[in-house]
Amino acid sequence: MRILSIDLSRNMPSSQQAFRFIRVLYFLMGETTYFQPLTKEDRITVILYRTGIFLSASIIGICAFIVFKSLQTAEDQAFPFIISGFSLNILLLVLYFSVGLSVFFIHLYIGKFYRTLKKIYYLAFVCLAVLFFIGHGNPVMPLFRVPPYGTLLLLPLSLCLGFVTAKEAFCFRLIEGYILAILMPAYTFFYALGAFSGRGAAYGFILIAALLVFFTFRKVFMPLHYDIGDKSAYQP
């Protein structure tokens, strides 16, 4: 499709300028047609789905900010509350919850894809239980051992979030979603094997967080009906 240019002429009403800006920002992505009025359930599920994306990006963004600041100072106590084990555990649990929101409230046309995605999330939850077990109630600890093989247990979670970003990339041309879908599981795998230096791992994580925040900014402000599409096309 052709990308519209923004006309900033003085005679154009501000509402029209804003509409054109949105059209350019989303590159005329996906199907924007109203196929049917949205029900209350439609609106709630879309909001919950996008809330999951927003929370996931927020958690990873917070962690990336901590990593970035740690590169600027050698003092481990620069963020005494955030870097405590309890706080990191809370962030990890919220991340699992937020990815779960996106997984269970995603709108997919093909039912077998949805069932497969849920199975991967169930596996991710089993991996979380394993992290609790090997960390003696502290699931974050195995992620910081040397080498951090425990990070392999985050692969199913990264695959779930990558599936979500890839789905949005396919439907709405959010190209960074494809990049994230490949980058997140690959980073998790190679980090677990100790393939990165300390700074390399830090910069890689910051890059992922930046892409995810950009992706989230472009996704969460779309009209709600974009996520519903044509219900008659859904396959069980």
Protein backbone atom coordinates (compact mmCIF):
# COMPACT_ATOMS: atom_id res chain seq x y z
CA MET A 1 0.00 0.00 0.00
CA ARG A 2 1.07 3.55 -0.61
CA ILE A 3 2.14 5.53 2.45
CA LEU A 4 0.31 8.81 2.78
CA SER A 5 2.28 11.98 3.36
CA ILE A 6 1.40 14.43 6.10
CA ASP A 7 -0.19 17.63 4.88
CA LEU A 8 0.48 20.35 7.42
CA SER A 9 -1.34 23.08 5.54
CA ARG A 10 -2.87 25.77 7.69
CA ASN A 11 -6.33 25.20 6.26
CA MET A 12 -6.52 21.60 7.46
CA PRO A 13 -8.36 21.14 10.79
CA SER A 14 -6.23 19.82 13.63
CA SER A 15 -8.37 16.67 13.87
CA GLN A 16 -7.60 15.84 10.23
CA GLN A 17 -3.90 16.46 10.81
CA ALA A 18 -3.96 14.10 13.79
CA PHE A 19 -5.79 11.45 11.74
CA ARG A 20 -3.22 11.67 8.95
CA PHE A 21 -0.40 11.47 11.47
CA ILE A 22 -1.86 8.26 12.89
CA ARG A 23 -2.21 6.83 9.38
CA VAL A 24 1.46 7.54 8.65
CA LEU A 25 2.62 6.29 12.06
CA TYR A 26 0.97 2.92 11.47
CA PHE A 27 1.91 2.79 7.76
CA LEU A 28 -1.68 1.89 6.81
CA MET A 29 -1.23 -1.38 8.67
CA GLY A 30 -3.53 -4.37 8.67
CA GLU A 31 -7.31 -4.35 8.45
CA THR A 32 -8.87 -1.22 9.89
CA THR A 33 -12.45 -1.87 8.81
CA TYR A 34 -15.30 -2.17 11.31
CA PHE A 35 -16.71 -5.61 10.51
CA GLN A 36 -19.16 -5.61 13.40
CA PRO A 37 -19.87 -3.46 16.48
CA LEU A 38 -17.57 -4.27 19.38
CA THR A 39 -19.20 -5.99 22.31
CA LYS A 40 -18.32 -5.25 25.92
CA GLU A 41 -16.36 -8.52 26.00
CA ASP A 42 -14.44 -7.46 22.87
CA ARG A 43 -13.37 -4.21 24.49
CA ILE A 44 -12.38 -5.84 27.78
CA THR A 45 -10.31 -8.57 26.12
CA VAL A 46 -8.49 -6.12 23.85
CA ILE A 47 -7.70 -3.85 26.81
CA LEU A 48 -6.41 -6.80 28.85
CA TYR A 49 -4.32 -8.02 25.92
CA ARG A 50 -2.73 -4.62 25.44
CA THR A 51 -2.29 -4.19 29.19
CA GLY A 52 -0.20 -7.35 29.11
CA ILE A 53 1.98 -5.92 26.35
CA PHE A 54 2.34 -2.62 28.21
CA LEU A 55 3.27 -4.29 31.51
CA SER A 56 5.78 -6.59 29.80
CA ALA A 57 7.47 -3.64 28.12
CA SER A 58 7.44 -1.69 31.40
CA ILE A 59 9.07 -4.50 33.39
CA ILE A 60 11.75 -5.13 30.76
CA GLY A 61 12.25 -1.38 30.40
CA ILE A 62 12.76 -0.97 34.15
CA CYS A 63 15.28 -3.80 34.17
CA ALA A 64 17.08 -2.28 31.18
CA PHE A 65 17.27 1.07 32.98
CA ILE A 66 18.83 -0.65 35.98
CA VAL A 67 21.32 -2.39 33.69
CA PHE A 68 22.13 0.89 31.94
CA LYS A 69 22.73 2.73 35.21
CA SER A 70 24.89 -0.13 36.46
CA LEU A 71 27.17 0.49 33.47
CA GLN A 72 27.63 4.08 34.65
CA THR A 73 28.60 3.25 38.23
CA ALA A 74 30.50 0.53 40.03
CA GLU A 75 28.33 0.90 43.12
CA ASP A 76 25.96 -2.03 43.48
CA GLN A 77 23.81 -0.03 45.86
CA ALA A 78 22.92 2.66 43.33
CA PHE A 79 19.38 1.23 43.44
CA PRO A 80 19.20 -0.53 46.82
CA PHE A 81 15.48 -1.28 46.66
CA ILE A 82 15.18 -2.30 43.02
CA ILE A 83 18.19 -4.58 42.98
CA SER A 84 17.20 -6.46 46.12
CA GLY A 85 16.36 -10.11 45.55
CA PHE A 86 12.77 -9.63 46.68
CA SER A 87 12.19 -6.79 44.20
CA LEU A 88 13.67 -8.74 41.29
CA ASN A 89 11.47 -11.70 42.16
CA ILE A 90 8.41 -9.44 42.10
CA LEU A 91 9.43 -8.05 38.71
CA LEU A 92 9.86 -11.58 37.34
CA LEU A 93 6.46 -12.69 38.64
CA VAL A 94 4.76 -9.60 37.19
CA LEU A 95 6.44 -10.33 33.86
CA TYR A 96 5.00 -13.84 33.85
CA PHE A 97 1.59 -12.42 34.72
CA SER A 98 1.74 -9.76 32.01
CA VAL A 99 2.81 -12.19 29.29
CA GLY A 100 -0.01 -14.46 30.44
CA LEU A 101 -2.51 -11.65 29.96
CA SER A 102 -1.40 -11.22 26.36
CA VAL A 103 -1.40 -14.97 25.72
CA PHE A 104 -4.89 -15.67 27.05
CA PHE A 105 -6.57 -12.59 25.59
CA ILE A 106 -4.91 -12.50 22.17
CA HIS A 107 -7.24 -12.59 19.16
CA LEU A 108 -6.07 -15.15 16.62
CA TYR A 109 -7.94 -16.26 13.53
CA ILE A 110 -6.47 -19.78 13.61
CA GLY A 111 -7.45 -21.76 16.68
CA LYS A 112 -4.54 -24.23 16.57
CA PHE A 113 -2.07 -21.34 16.81
CA TYR A 114 -3.86 -20.13 19.93
CA ARG A 115 -3.81 -23.58 21.51
CA THR A 116 -0.12 -23.96 20.72
CA LEU A 117 0.65 -20.58 22.25
CA LYS A 118 -1.16 -21.52 25.46
CA LYS A 119 0.76 -24.80 25.67
CA ILE A 120 4.04 -22.89 25.42
CA TYR A 121 2.89 -20.61 28.23
CA TYR A 122 1.97 -23.61 30.40
CA LEU A 123 5.51 -24.88 29.79
CA ALA A 124 6.83 -21.45 30.80
CA PHE A 125 4.88 -21.73 34.05
CA VAL A 126 6.39 -25.18 34.73
CA CYS A 127 9.82 -23.62 34.11
CA LEU A 128 8.99 -20.93 36.66
CA ALA A 129 8.22 -23.65 39.20
CA VAL A 130 11.61 -25.21 38.42
CA LEU A 131 13.27 -21.83 38.97
CA PHE A 132 11.58 -21.62 42.37
CA PHE A 133 12.81 -25.12 43.19
CA ILE A 134 16.46 -24.75 42.16
CA GLY A 135 16.56 -21.23 43.62
CA HIS A 136 15.19 -22.47 46.96
CA GLY A 137 12.21 -20.13 46.76
CA ASN A 138 14.17 -17.37 45.02
CA PRO A 139 13.52 -17.82 41.26
CA VAL A 140 15.83 -14.99 40.21
CA MET A 141 18.98 -16.47 41.73
CA PRO A 142 19.55 -19.19 39.08
CA LEU A 143 19.55 -16.45 36.43
CA PHE A 144 22.68 -14.85 37.88
CA ARG A 145 24.82 -17.90 38.44
CA VAL A 146 27.97 -18.36 36.36
CA PRO A 147 27.38 -19.69 33.80
CA PRO A 148 23.68 -18.71 33.93
CA TYR A 149 22.24 -21.97 32.59
CA GLY A 150 19.06 -21.30 34.55
CA THR A 151 18.19 -18.61 32.02
CA LEU A 152 17.31 -21.40 29.58
CA LEU A 153 14.15 -21.81 31.66
CA LEU A 154 13.04 -18.39 30.41
CA LEU A 155 13.02 -19.57 26.79
CA PRO A 156 9.31 -20.55 26.74
CA LEU A 157 8.38 -17.15 28.19
CA SER A 158 10.46 -15.33 25.59
CA LEU A 159 8.84 -17.46 22.88
CA CYS A 160 5.38 -16.44 24.11
CA LEU A 161 6.23 -12.75 24.07
CA GLY A 162 7.95 -13.20 20.71
CA PHE A 163 4.82 -14.86 19.32
CA VAL A 164 2.78 -11.82 20.37
CA THR A 165 5.19 -9.36 18.73
CA ALA A 166 5.41 -11.49 15.57
CA LYS A 167 1.60 -11.67 15.35
CA GLU A 168 1.37 -7.89 15.54
CA ALA A 169 4.16 -7.55 12.99
CA PHE A 170 2.27 -9.81 10.60
CA CYS A 171 -1.10 -8.11 11.10
CA PHE A 172 -0.04 -4.47 11.35
CA ARG A 173 3.42 -4.25 9.80
CA LEU A 174 5.20 -3.52 13.07
CA ILE A 175 8.49 -4.72 11.64
CA GLU A 176 10.26 -4.47 14.99
CA GLY A 177 7.90 -7.23 16.15
CA TYR A 178 9.62 -9.71 13.82
CA ILE A 179 13.02 -8.57 15.08
CA LEU A 180 11.93 -9.05 18.69
CA ALA A 181 10.44 -12.47 17.95
CA ILE A 182 13.88 -13.64 16.79
CA LEU A 183 16.06 -11.56 19.08
CA MET A 184 14.45 -12.35 22.46
CA PRO A 185 14.71 -16.17 22.34
CA ALA A 186 18.14 -16.00 20.65
CA TYR A 187 19.45 -13.60 23.30
CA THR A 188 18.06 -15.76 26.11
CA PHE A 189 19.68 -18.89 24.65
CA PHE A 190 23.12 -17.43 24.02
CA TYR A 191 23.15 -15.51 27.31
CA ALA A 192 22.43 -18.76 29.15
CA LEU A 193 25.42 -20.37 27.45
CA GLY A 194 27.68 -17.49 28.49
CA ALA A 195 28.28 -16.36 24.91
CA PHE A 196 28.28 -12.64 25.79
CA SER A 197 30.70 -10.52 27.73
CA GLY A 198 29.24 -8.53 30.61
CA ARG A 199 28.90 -5.35 28.57
CA GLY A 200 27.74 -7.24 25.49
CA ALA A 201 24.92 -8.84 27.46
CA ALA A 202 23.98 -5.47 28.96
CA TYR A 203 23.84 -3.65 25.62
CA GLY A 204 21.94 -6.52 24.04
CA PHE A 205 19.32 -6.39 26.78
CA ILE A 206 19.02 -2.61 26.48
CA LEU A 207 18.50 -2.95 22.71
CA ILE A 208 15.70 -5.47 23.24
CA ALA A 209 14.04 -3.21 25.80
CA ALA A 210 14.23 -0.20 23.48
CA LEU A 211 12.67 -2.15 20.61
CA LEU A 212 9.93 -3.48 22.88
CA VAL A 213 9.07 -0.02 24.21
CA PHE A 214 8.93 1.31 20.63
CA PHE A 215 6.74 -1.64 19.62
CA THR A 216 4.44 -1.04 22.58
CA PHE A 217 4.09 2.66 21.80
CA ARG A 218 2.99 1.82 18.27
CA LYS A 219 0.61 -0.94 19.36
CA VAL A 220 -1.31 0.19 22.44
CA PHE A 221 -2.73 3.38 20.92
CA MET A 222 -4.36 1.65 17.95
CA PRO A 223 -8.18 1.72 17.83
CA LEU A 224 -9.64 -1.25 19.70
CA HIS A 225 -11.40 -2.73 16.68
CA TYR A 226 -8.06 -3.36 14.95
CA ASP A 227 -7.53 -6.38 17.22
CA ILE A 228 -10.94 -7.95 16.56
CA GLY A 229 -11.14 -7.99 12.78
CA ASP A 230 -13.73 -10.18 11.09
CA LYS A 231 -15.11 -12.66 13.62
CA SER A 232 -16.61 -14.79 10.85
CA ALA A 233 -13.07 -15.62 9.71
CA TYR A 234 -12.08 -17.15 13.07
CA GLN A 235 -11.25 -20.85 12.91
CA PRO A 236 -11.85 -23.10 15.96
